[in-house]
Amino acid sequence: PNVSLLLLAIWETAIGLLLIIGYYNRLVIKVVIAHMICTFTPLFLLPALSFTAAPFSLTLVGQYIIKNIVIISALFVIDTAAKR
């Protein structure tokens, strides 16, 4: 678990740095959106980890997953702006 958390932290930090620097924005945005969509799997595969009382009472893990909707929305805006 510690290694996977470290790899995830490195992965997300690298993505953030690439977005800040502006290299390969279109590609990075597509990779991030795919990554964020994959983070939704615990909502369906491990609902006990995501909800205390499904479907309205989220655990901390569930809240972390749901906040990704905001990030995905922001990425779609950035991607649209990058197309111009």
Protein backbone atom coordinates (compact mmCIF):
# COMPACT_ATOMS: atom_id res chain seq x y z
CA PRO A 1 0.00 0.00 0.00
CA ASN A 2 2.79 2.47 0.80
CA VAL A 3 4.43 1.98 -2.59
CA SER A 4 1.15 2.43 -4.45
CA LEU A 5 0.39 5.61 -2.50
CA LEU A 6 3.85 6.96 -3.29
CA LEU A 7 3.47 6.12 -6.99
CA LEU A 8 0.04 7.75 -7.06
CA ALA A 9 1.44 10.87 -5.39
CA ILE A 10 4.30 11.04 -7.91
CA TRP A 11 1.87 10.49 -10.80
CA GLU A 12 -0.52 13.22 -9.68
CA THR A 13 2.32 15.63 -8.91
CA ALA A 14 3.82 15.07 -12.37
CA ILE A 15 0.43 15.71 -13.97
CA GLY A 16 0.01 18.90 -11.95
CA LEU A 17 3.47 20.14 -12.87
CA LEU A 18 2.89 19.43 -16.56
CA LEU A 19 -0.38 21.35 -16.43
CA ILE A 20 1.26 24.29 -14.65
CA ILE A 21 4.24 24.36 -17.03
CA GLY A 22 1.99 23.98 -20.06
CA TYR A 23 3.78 21.16 -21.85
CA TYR A 24 1.56 18.86 -23.89
CA ASN A 25 -1.59 20.32 -22.33
CA ARG A 26 -4.00 18.56 -24.66
CA LEU A 27 -2.42 15.14 -24.07
CA VAL A 28 -2.03 15.65 -20.32
CA ILE A 29 -5.66 16.75 -20.01
CA LYS A 30 -6.86 13.58 -21.77
CA VAL A 31 -4.68 11.43 -19.49
CA VAL A 32 -5.95 13.24 -16.39
CA ILE A 33 -9.58 12.84 -17.41
CA ALA A 34 -9.04 9.10 -17.94
CA HIS A 35 -7.29 8.90 -14.56
CA MET A 36 -10.11 10.79 -12.82
CA ILE A 37 -12.77 8.58 -14.36
CA CYS A 38 -10.90 5.53 -13.03
CA THR A 39 -11.02 7.04 -9.54
CA PHE A 40 -14.81 6.66 -9.61
CA THR A 41 -14.61 2.84 -9.58
CA PRO A 42 -14.66 2.52 -5.75
CA LEU A 43 -18.10 4.17 -5.74
CA PHE A 44 -19.43 1.15 -7.63
CA LEU A 45 -17.03 -1.65 -6.72
CA LEU A 46 -16.43 -0.80 -3.04
CA PRO A 47 -19.47 1.15 -1.84
CA ALA A 48 -18.74 0.36 1.83
CA LEU A 49 -15.46 2.25 1.46
CA SER A 50 -17.17 5.27 -0.12
CA PHE A 51 -20.45 5.57 1.80
CA THR A 52 -21.47 5.36 5.43
CA ALA A 53 -25.13 5.27 4.43
CA ALA A 54 -25.53 4.95 0.67
CA PRO A 55 -26.07 7.00 -1.43
CA PHE A 56 -26.04 10.29 0.47
CA SER A 57 -23.57 10.03 3.36
CA LEU A 58 -20.01 9.94 2.03
CA THR A 59 -16.90 8.84 3.86
CA LEU A 60 -13.68 10.83 3.47
CA VAL A 61 -12.73 8.54 0.57
CA GLY A 62 -16.11 9.17 -1.06
CA GLN A 63 -15.70 12.92 -0.67
CA TYR A 64 -12.26 12.71 -2.28
CA ILE A 65 -13.74 10.83 -5.21
CA ILE A 66 -16.68 13.20 -5.67
CA LYS A 67 -14.43 16.30 -5.63
CA ASN A 68 -12.92 14.91 -8.82
CA ILE A 69 -16.09 16.02 -10.61
CA VAL A 70 -14.97 19.61 -10.04
CA ILE A 71 -11.49 18.82 -11.34
CA ILE A 72 -12.88 17.10 -14.44
CA SER A 73 -15.11 20.12 -15.11
CA ALA A 74 -12.12 22.45 -14.82
CA LEU A 75 -10.10 20.25 -17.18
CA PHE A 76 -12.85 20.39 -19.80
CA VAL A 77 -12.74 24.20 -19.58
CA ILE A 78 -8.94 24.21 -19.91
CA ASP A 79 -9.12 21.77 -22.83
CA THR A 80 -11.69 23.94 -24.60
CA ALA A 81 -9.50 27.01 -24.10
CA ALA A 82 -6.44 25.11 -25.36
CA LYS A 83 -8.23 24.29 -28.62
CA ARG A 84 -8.41 27.99 -29.49
